[in-house]
């Protein structure tokens, strides 16, 4: 395995399944010790811990709801305390609320903003207190930040579009410290929430140039590049890993 992240510590929010789990395992494979948060799926969290440990790296699963700002800050501080440092933050946890705009209530709005916008901001704010120069912050957005071909995505699309501004602003703020901040926008990805064999999958595939879904590992590969030293001159960027969904 390519151990380019030896000696680094990473935190992945929402890392018990799907893209988050793939990112956590990939970063461990590249040599990092990896902590991740999860909200309630303790069984899958334990499986990811074992997969990380199988690479020879240290693993830590932290139960924390990203809707709770104090829990997010506590998770970041806890990782730095447990491992003695924090080099890489991947803001992956997300809330996927899709419905006609007239059916969305205040709780839907507040919950989506709390998880998809406030949590990445709070996590980054806490992380930079621990990061040495040259750290990495990688936000996970969505292809619907740039193209919304289906109805019902107004709230979710808004929340993911906000990450573009957050990424650029943090990139400017943290540039003098050599801390890069980038955004990965996945396209259709085969996960529990959007399986490649769903009734709508053929239609969704048709919006991509490659006519296929991504695997979580495809997204993790892009994150892994942005986490390593090779990406040191990339910051404030939005990287679409979407099979051509937005072209």
C-alpha atoms as a PDB file:
ATOM      1  CA  UNK A   1       0.000   0.000   0.000  1.00  0.00           C
ATOM      2  CA  UNK A   2       1.016   3.601  -0.660  1.00  0.00           C
ATOM      3  CA  UNK A   3       1.752   5.031   2.802  1.00  0.00           C
ATOM      4  CA  UNK A   4       1.913   8.683   1.788  1.00  0.00           C
ATOM      5  CA  UNK A   5      -0.089   9.696   4.876  1.00  0.00           C
ATOM      6  CA  UNK A   6       2.124   7.976   7.445  1.00  0.00           C
ATOM      7  CA  UNK A   7       2.088   9.906  10.701  1.00  0.00           C
ATOM      8  CA  UNK A   8      -1.095  11.811   9.813  1.00  0.00           C
ATOM      9  CA  UNK A   9      -4.393  11.777  11.708  1.00  0.00           C
ATOM     10  CA  UNK A  10      -7.700  12.139   9.895  1.00  0.00           C
ATOM     11  CA  UNK A  11     -11.264  12.708  11.042  1.00  0.00           C
ATOM     12  CA  UNK A  12     -14.169  11.789   8.749  1.00  0.00           C
ATOM     13  CA  UNK A  13     -17.655  12.857   9.790  1.00  0.00           C
ATOM     14  CA  UNK A  14     -20.418  10.410   8.944  1.00  0.00           C
ATOM     15  CA  UNK A  15     -17.963   7.591   8.404  1.00  0.00           C
ATOM     16  CA  UNK A  16     -19.901   4.455   9.267  1.00  0.00           C
ATOM     17  CA  UNK A  17     -21.190   3.658   5.783  1.00  0.00           C
ATOM     18  CA  UNK A  18     -21.275   4.711   2.146  1.00  0.00           C
ATOM     19  CA  UNK A  19     -18.879   7.398   0.962  1.00  0.00           C
ATOM     20  CA  UNK A  20     -17.724   8.228   4.498  1.00  0.00           C
ATOM     21  CA  UNK A  21     -16.729   4.646   5.235  1.00  0.00           C
ATOM     22  CA  UNK A  22     -14.901   4.346   1.918  1.00  0.00           C
ATOM     23  CA  UNK A  23     -12.993   7.562   2.645  1.00  0.00           C
ATOM     24  CA  UNK A  24     -12.039   6.432   6.143  1.00  0.00           C
ATOM     25  CA  UNK A  25     -10.758   3.083   4.902  1.00  0.00           C
ATOM     26  CA  UNK A  26      -8.886   4.645   1.974  1.00  0.00           C
ATOM     27  CA  UNK A  27      -7.116   7.197   4.175  1.00  0.00           C
ATOM     28  CA  UNK A  28      -6.099   4.383   6.525  1.00  0.00           C
ATOM     29  CA  UNK A  29      -4.786   2.427   3.559  1.00  0.00           C
ATOM     30  CA  UNK A  30      -2.686   5.452   2.675  1.00  0.00           C
ATOM     31  CA  UNK A  31      -1.163   5.397   6.162  1.00  0.00           C
ATOM     32  CA  UNK A  32      -3.276   7.727   8.312  1.00  0.00           C
ATOM     33  CA  UNK A  33      -4.733   6.950  11.709  1.00  0.00           C
ATOM     34  CA  UNK A  34      -8.457   7.552  11.244  1.00  0.00           C
ATOM     35  CA  UNK A  35     -11.291   8.636  13.491  1.00  0.00           C
ATOM     36  CA  UNK A  36     -14.843   8.983  12.277  1.00  0.00           C
ATOM     37  CA  UNK A  37     -18.203  10.017  13.628  1.00  0.00           C
ATOM     38  CA  UNK A  38     -21.489   8.214  13.325  1.00  0.00           C
ATOM     39  CA  UNK A  39     -24.981   9.054  14.519  1.00  0.00           C
ATOM     40  CA  UNK A  40     -26.564   5.731  15.452  1.00  0.00           C
ATOM     41  CA  UNK A  41     -25.349   2.799  13.335  1.00  0.00           C
ATOM     42  CA  UNK A  42     -23.016   1.224  15.882  1.00  0.00           C
ATOM     43  CA  UNK A  43     -22.867  -2.106  14.017  1.00  0.00           C
ATOM     44  CA  UNK A  44     -21.548  -0.580  10.791  1.00  0.00           C
ATOM     45  CA  UNK A  45     -19.242   1.698  12.791  1.00  0.00           C
ATOM     46  CA  UNK A  46     -17.661  -1.344  14.432  1.00  0.00           C
ATOM     47  CA  UNK A  47     -17.136  -2.936  11.016  1.00  0.00           C
ATOM     48  CA  UNK A  48     -15.362   0.151   9.712  1.00  0.00           C
ATOM     49  CA  UNK A  49     -13.152   0.226  12.808  1.00  0.00           C
ATOM     50  CA  UNK A  50     -12.080  -3.349  12.071  1.00  0.00           C
ATOM     51  CA  UNK A  51     -11.372  -2.533   8.430  1.00  0.00           C
ATOM     52  CA  UNK A  52      -9.204   0.412   9.452  1.00  0.00           C
ATOM     53  CA  UNK A  53      -7.328  -1.691  11.988  1.00  0.00           C
ATOM     54  CA  UNK A  54      -6.751  -4.336   9.312  1.00  0.00           C
ATOM     55  CA  UNK A  55      -4.557  -1.804   7.485  1.00  0.00           C
ATOM     56  CA  UNK A  56      -2.366  -1.545  10.569  1.00  0.00           C
ATOM     57  CA  UNK A  57      -3.603   1.907  11.553  1.00  0.00           C
ATOM     58  CA  UNK A  58      -5.333   3.164  14.679  1.00  0.00           C
ATOM     59  CA  UNK A  59      -9.101   3.670  14.530  1.00  0.00           C
ATOM     60  CA  UNK A  60     -11.605   5.571  16.651  1.00  0.00           C
ATOM     61  CA  UNK A  61     -15.395   5.681  16.225  1.00  0.00           C
ATOM     62  CA  UNK A  62     -17.177   8.577  17.931  1.00  0.00           C
ATOM     63  CA  UNK A  63     -20.940   8.693  18.320  1.00  0.00           C
ATOM     64  CA  UNK A  64     -21.900  12.297  17.517  1.00  0.00           C
ATOM     65  CA  UNK A  65     -24.928  13.835  15.842  1.00  0.00           C
ATOM     66  CA  UNK A  66     -23.804  16.472  13.337  1.00  0.00           C
ATOM     67  CA  UNK A  67     -27.013  18.396  14.025  1.00  0.00           C
ATOM     68  CA  UNK A  68     -25.554  19.175  17.465  1.00  0.00           C
ATOM     69  CA  UNK A  69     -22.843  21.840  17.162  1.00  0.00           C
ATOM     70  CA  UNK A  70     -21.407  21.030  20.584  1.00  0.00           C
ATOM     71  CA  UNK A  71     -21.147  17.351  19.660  1.00  0.00           C
ATOM     72  CA  UNK A  72     -19.270  18.239  16.475  1.00  0.00           C
ATOM     73  CA  UNK A  73     -16.790  20.420  18.351  1.00  0.00           C
ATOM     74  CA  UNK A  74     -16.418  17.753  21.023  1.00  0.00           C
ATOM     75  CA  UNK A  75     -15.652  15.109  18.404  1.00  0.00           C
ATOM     76  CA  UNK A  76     -12.914  17.216  16.827  1.00  0.00           C
ATOM     77  CA  UNK A  77     -11.354  18.060  20.176  1.00  0.00           C
ATOM     78  CA  UNK A  78     -11.644  14.427  21.247  1.00  0.00           C
ATOM     79  CA  UNK A  79      -9.731  13.176  18.217  1.00  0.00           C
ATOM     80  CA  UNK A  80      -6.936  15.681  18.769  1.00  0.00           C
ATOM     81  CA  UNK A  81      -6.779  14.675  22.412  1.00  0.00           C
ATOM     82  CA  UNK A  82      -6.766  10.933  21.700  1.00  0.00           C
ATOM     83  CA  UNK A  83      -4.226  10.976  18.869  1.00  0.00           C
ATOM     84  CA  UNK A  84      -2.260  14.074  19.851  1.00  0.00           C
ATOM     85  CA  UNK A  85      -2.848  15.877  16.557  1.00  0.00           C
ATOM     86  CA  UNK A  86      -5.253  16.397  13.655  1.00  0.00           C
ATOM     87  CA  UNK A  87      -4.049  16.809  10.074  1.00  0.00           C
ATOM     88  CA  UNK A  88      -7.023  16.015   7.857  1.00  0.00           C
ATOM     89  CA  UNK A  89     -10.713  16.832   8.279  1.00  0.00           C
ATOM     90  CA  UNK A  90     -13.274  15.388   5.878  1.00  0.00           C
ATOM     91  CA  UNK A  91     -16.731  16.911   6.310  1.00  0.00           C
ATOM     92  CA  UNK A  92     -18.872  14.135   4.909  1.00  0.00           C
ATOM     93  CA  UNK A  93     -21.923  13.819   7.184  1.00  0.00           C
ATOM     94  CA  UNK A  94     -25.063  14.990   5.421  1.00  0.00           C
ATOM     95  CA  UNK A  95     -28.838  15.112   5.688  1.00  0.00           C
ATOM     96  CA  UNK A  96     -30.701  14.209   2.494  1.00  0.00           C
ATOM     97  CA  UNK A  97     -34.163  15.785   2.539  1.00  0.00           C
ATOM     98  CA  UNK A  98     -35.946  15.717  -0.820  1.00  0.00           C
ATOM     99  CA  UNK A  99     -39.558  16.831  -1.208  1.00  0.00           C
ATOM    100  CA  UNK A 100     -41.685  19.353  -3.118  1.00  0.00           C
ATOM    101  CA  UNK A 101     -40.927  22.807  -1.786  1.00  0.00           C
ATOM    102  CA  UNK A 102     -44.496  23.296  -0.599  1.00  0.00           C
ATOM    103  CA  UNK A 103     -44.159  20.211   1.626  1.00  0.00           C
ATOM    104  CA  UNK A 104     -40.976  21.302   3.404  1.00  0.00           C
ATOM    105  CA  UNK A 105     -41.377  22.599   6.938  1.00  0.00           C
ATOM    106  CA  UNK A 106     -39.206  24.674   9.253  1.00  0.00           C
ATOM    107  CA  UNK A 107     -37.782  21.542  10.876  1.00  0.00           C
ATOM    108  CA  UNK A 108     -36.652  20.255   7.486  1.00  0.00           C
ATOM    109  CA  UNK A 109     -34.936  23.558   6.787  1.00  0.00           C
ATOM    110  CA  UNK A 110     -33.312  23.886  10.200  1.00  0.00           C
ATOM    111  CA  UNK A 111     -32.134  20.274  10.250  1.00  0.00           C
ATOM    112  CA  UNK A 112     -30.639  20.464   6.767  1.00  0.00           C
ATOM    113  CA  UNK A 113     -28.822  23.715   7.492  1.00  0.00           C
ATOM    114  CA  UNK A 114     -27.543  22.373  10.826  1.00  0.00           C
ATOM    115  CA  UNK A 115     -26.047  19.200   9.356  1.00  0.00           C
ATOM    116  CA  UNK A 116     -25.058  20.235   5.841  1.00  0.00           C
ATOM    117  CA  UNK A 117     -23.828  23.791   6.476  1.00  0.00           C
ATOM    118  CA  UNK A 118     -23.317  24.559  10.148  1.00  0.00           C
ATOM    119  CA  UNK A 119     -21.584  21.281  11.024  1.00  0.00           C
ATOM    120  CA  UNK A 120     -18.827  21.642   8.373  1.00  0.00           C
ATOM    121  CA  UNK A 121     -18.242  25.225   9.510  1.00  0.00           C
ATOM    122  CA  UNK A 122     -18.103  24.288  13.195  1.00  0.00           C
ATOM    123  CA  UNK A 123     -15.887  21.265  12.525  1.00  0.00           C
ATOM    124  CA  UNK A 124     -13.446  23.349  10.488  1.00  0.00           C
ATOM    125  CA  UNK A 125     -13.428  26.063  13.137  1.00  0.00           C
ATOM    126  CA  UNK A 126     -12.554  23.502  15.802  1.00  0.00           C
ATOM    127  CA  UNK A 127     -10.060  21.637  13.614  1.00  0.00           C
ATOM    128  CA  UNK A 128      -7.883  24.618  12.768  1.00  0.00           C
ATOM    129  CA  UNK A 129      -7.176  25.129  16.452  1.00  0.00           C
ATOM    130  CA  UNK A 130      -5.362  21.775  16.380  1.00  0.00           C
ATOM    131  CA  UNK A 131      -3.943  21.624  12.857  1.00  0.00           C
ATOM    132  CA  UNK A 132      -0.346  22.433  12.154  1.00  0.00           C
ATOM    133  CA  UNK A 133       0.542  24.298   8.974  1.00  0.00           C
ATOM    134  CA  UNK A 134      -0.131  22.222   5.893  1.00  0.00           C
ATOM    135  CA  UNK A 135      -3.345  20.618   7.118  1.00  0.00           C
ATOM    136  CA  UNK A 136      -6.203  19.547   4.887  1.00  0.00           C
ATOM    137  CA  UNK A 137      -9.941  20.262   5.019  1.00  0.00           C
ATOM    138  CA  UNK A 138     -12.070  18.459   2.443  1.00  0.00           C
ATOM    139  CA  UNK A 139     -15.804  19.078   2.199  1.00  0.00           C
ATOM    140  CA  UNK A 140     -18.150  16.613   0.530  1.00  0.00           C
ATOM    141  CA  UNK A 141     -20.798  18.357  -1.527  1.00  0.00           C
ATOM    142  CA  UNK A 142     -23.035  17.103  -4.325  1.00  0.00           C
ATOM    143  CA  UNK A 143     -23.481  17.285  -8.083  1.00  0.00           C
ATOM    144  CA  UNK A 144     -26.836  19.001  -7.515  1.00  0.00           C
ATOM    145  CA  UNK A 145     -24.977  22.102  -6.374  1.00  0.00           C
ATOM    146  CA  UNK A 146     -24.439  22.772 -10.092  1.00  0.00           C
ATOM    147  CA  UNK A 147     -27.256  20.953 -11.861  1.00  0.00           C
ATOM    148  CA  UNK A 148     -30.735  20.081 -10.576  1.00  0.00           C
ATOM    149  CA  UNK A 149     -32.502  17.926 -13.169  1.00  0.00           C
ATOM    150  CA  UNK A 150     -35.219  16.612 -10.843  1.00  0.00           C
ATOM    151  CA  UNK A 151     -37.875  18.388  -8.757  1.00  0.00           C
ATOM    152  CA  UNK A 152     -37.768  18.278  -4.974  1.00  0.00           C
ATOM    153  CA  UNK A 153     -34.101  19.176  -4.491  1.00  0.00           C
ATOM    154  CA  UNK A 154     -34.412  22.874  -3.656  1.00  0.00           C
ATOM    155  CA  UNK A 155     -33.450  22.558   0.014  1.00  0.00           C
ATOM    156  CA  UNK A 156     -30.724  19.947  -0.438  1.00  0.00           C
ATOM    157  CA  UNK A 157     -29.234  21.751  -3.436  1.00  0.00           C
ATOM    158  CA  UNK A 158     -29.174  25.031  -1.506  1.00  0.00           C
ATOM    159  CA  UNK A 159     -27.322  23.426   1.384  1.00  0.00           C
ATOM    160  CA  UNK A 160     -24.681  21.849  -0.838  1.00  0.00           C
ATOM    161  CA  UNK A 161     -24.215  25.015  -2.877  1.00  0.00           C
ATOM    162  CA  UNK A 162     -23.392  26.834   0.361  1.00  0.00           C
ATOM    163  CA  UNK A 163     -20.319  24.614   0.687  1.00  0.00           C
ATOM    164  CA  UNK A 164     -18.831  26.251  -2.402  1.00  0.00           C
ATOM    165  CA  UNK A 165     -18.706  29.594  -0.615  1.00  0.00           C
ATOM    166  CA  UNK A 166     -17.526  28.015   2.630  1.00  0.00           C
ATOM    167  CA  UNK A 167     -14.715  26.212   0.828  1.00  0.00           C
ATOM    168  CA  UNK A 168     -13.527  29.353  -0.946  1.00  0.00           C
ATOM    169  CA  UNK A 169     -13.749  31.490   2.189  1.00  0.00           C
ATOM    170  CA  UNK A 170     -11.878  29.014   4.361  1.00  0.00           C
ATOM    171  CA  UNK A 171      -9.308  28.523   1.625  1.00  0.00           C
ATOM    172  CA  UNK A 172      -8.583  32.255   1.670  1.00  0.00           C
ATOM    173  CA  UNK A 173      -8.535  32.456   5.473  1.00  0.00           C
ATOM    174  CA  UNK A 174      -6.254  29.486   5.974  1.00  0.00           C
ATOM    175  CA  UNK A 175      -3.974  29.868   2.957  1.00  0.00           C
ATOM    176  CA  UNK A 176      -1.248  31.692   4.910  1.00  0.00           C
ATOM    177  CA  UNK A 177      -0.902  28.588   7.064  1.00  0.00           C
ATOM    178  CA  UNK A 178      -0.636  26.259   4.102  1.00  0.00           C
ATOM    179  CA  UNK A 179      -3.942  24.618   5.074  1.00  0.00           C
ATOM    180  CA  UNK A 180      -5.828  23.768   1.899  1.00  0.00           C
ATOM    181  CA  UNK A 181      -9.612  23.592   1.737  1.00  0.00           C
ATOM    182  CA  UNK A 182     -11.348  21.855  -1.152  1.00  0.00           C
ATOM    183  CA  UNK A 183     -14.757  20.539  -2.128  1.00  0.00           C
ATOM    184  CA  UNK A 184     -15.545  17.183  -3.722  1.00  0.00           C
ATOM    185  CA  UNK A 185     -18.912  17.003  -5.467  1.00  0.00           C
ATOM    186  CA  UNK A 186     -19.939  13.372  -5.970  1.00  0.00           C
ATOM    187  CA  UNK A 187     -22.356  12.458  -8.703  1.00  0.00           C
ATOM    188  CA  UNK A 188     -24.686   9.457  -8.589  1.00  0.00           C
ATOM    189  CA  UNK A 189     -22.977   7.022  -6.229  1.00  0.00           C
ATOM    190  CA  UNK A 190     -24.057   3.498  -5.344  1.00  0.00           C
ATOM    191  CA  UNK A 191     -24.958   3.830  -1.658  1.00  0.00           C
ATOM    192  CA  UNK A 192     -27.844   2.847   0.585  1.00  0.00           C
ATOM    193  CA  UNK A 193     -29.541   6.182  -0.051  1.00  0.00           C
ATOM    194  CA  UNK A 194     -29.112   6.025  -3.841  1.00  0.00           C
ATOM    195  CA  UNK A 195     -28.595   2.413  -4.935  1.00  0.00           C
ATOM    196  CA  UNK A 196     -27.527   1.698  -8.489  1.00  0.00           C
ATOM    197  CA  UNK A 197     -30.387  -0.805  -8.811  1.00  0.00           C
ATOM    198  CA  UNK A 198     -33.183   1.531  -7.716  1.00  0.00           C
ATOM    199  CA  UNK A 199     -36.232   2.057  -9.979  1.00  0.00           C
ATOM    200  CA  UNK A 200     -34.873   5.490 -10.964  1.00  0.00           C
ATOM    201  CA  UNK A 201     -31.290   4.323 -11.560  1.00  0.00           C
ATOM    202  CA  UNK A 202     -31.500   4.011 -15.348  1.00  0.00           C
ATOM    203  CA  UNK A 203     -32.819   7.564 -15.630  1.00  0.00           C
ATOM    204  CA  UNK A 204     -30.143   8.894 -13.284  1.00  0.00           C
ATOM    205  CA  UNK A 205     -27.388   7.065 -15.175  1.00  0.00           C
ATOM    206  CA  UNK A 206     -28.623   8.724 -18.360  1.00  0.00           C
ATOM    207  CA  UNK A 207     -27.648  12.143 -17.015  1.00  0.00           C
ATOM    208  CA  UNK A 208     -23.988  11.125 -16.782  1.00  0.00           C
ATOM    209  CA  UNK A 209     -21.559  11.065 -19.688  1.00  0.00           C
ATOM    210  CA  UNK A 210     -20.108   7.734 -18.527  1.00  0.00           C
ATOM    211  CA  UNK A 211     -23.559   6.143 -18.150  1.00  0.00           C
ATOM    212  CA  UNK A 212     -22.795   4.577 -14.789  1.00  0.00           C
ATOM    213  CA  UNK A 213     -22.895   5.170 -11.075  1.00  0.00           C
ATOM    214  CA  UNK A 214     -19.744   5.816  -9.093  1.00  0.00           C
ATOM    215  CA  UNK A 215     -18.653   3.473  -6.360  1.00  0.00           C
ATOM    216  CA  UNK A 216     -17.850   4.994  -2.952  1.00  0.00           C
ATOM    217  CA  UNK A 217     -14.223   4.093  -3.659  1.00  0.00           C
ATOM    218  CA  UNK A 218     -14.263   6.420  -6.695  1.00  0.00           C
ATOM    219  CA  UNK A 219     -15.131   9.339  -4.441  1.00  0.00           C
ATOM    220  CA  UNK A 220     -12.620   8.249  -1.810  1.00  0.00           C
ATOM    221  CA  UNK A 221      -9.853   8.288  -4.425  1.00  0.00           C
ATOM    222  CA  UNK A 222     -10.442  11.987  -5.108  1.00  0.00           C
ATOM    223  CA  UNK A 223     -10.470  12.752  -1.388  1.00  0.00           C
ATOM    224  CA  UNK A 224      -7.248  10.792  -0.936  1.00  0.00           C
ATOM    225  CA  UNK A 225      -5.498  12.903  -3.564  1.00  0.00           C
ATOM    226  CA  UNK A 226      -6.603  16.142  -1.902  1.00  0.00           C
ATOM    227  CA  UNK A 227      -5.382  14.808   1.458  1.00  0.00           C
ATOM    228  CA  UNK A 228      -1.836  14.154   0.311  1.00  0.00           C
ATOM    229  CA  UNK A 229       1.099  16.475  -0.229  1.00  0.00           C
ATOM    230  CA  UNK A 230       0.793  16.216  -4.026  1.00  0.00           C
ATOM    231  CA  UNK A 231      -2.267  18.507  -3.803  1.00  0.00           C
ATOM    232  CA  UNK A 232      -0.510  21.250  -1.828  1.00  0.00           C
ATOM    233  CA  UNK A 233      -1.156  23.903  -4.508  1.00  0.00           C
ATOM    234  CA  UNK A 234      -4.874  23.126  -4.828  1.00  0.00           C
ATOM    235  CA  UNK A 235      -7.186  25.124  -2.570  1.00  0.00           C
ATOM    236  CA  UNK A 236     -10.650  26.644  -2.808  1.00  0.00           C
ATOM    237  CA  UNK A 237     -11.412  24.235  -5.636  1.00  0.00           C
ATOM    238  CA  UNK A 238     -14.575  22.307  -6.424  1.00  0.00           C
ATOM    239  CA  UNK A 239     -13.795  18.892  -7.882  1.00  0.00           C
ATOM    240  CA  UNK A 240     -16.693  17.184  -9.635  1.00  0.00           C
ATOM    241  CA  UNK A 241     -16.466  13.406  -9.389  1.00  0.00           C
ATOM    242  CA  UNK A 242     -19.746  12.868 -11.186  1.00  0.00           C
ATOM    243  CA  UNK A 243     -19.161  10.883 -14.365  1.00  0.00           C
ATOM    244  CA  UNK A 244     -19.921  13.971 -16.421  1.00  0.00           C
ATOM    245  CA  UNK A 245     -23.280  14.719 -14.766  1.00  0.00           C
ATOM    246  CA  UNK A 246     -22.621  18.474 -14.846  1.00  0.00           C
ATOM    247  CA  UNK A 247     -21.135  18.821 -18.350  1.00  0.00           C
END
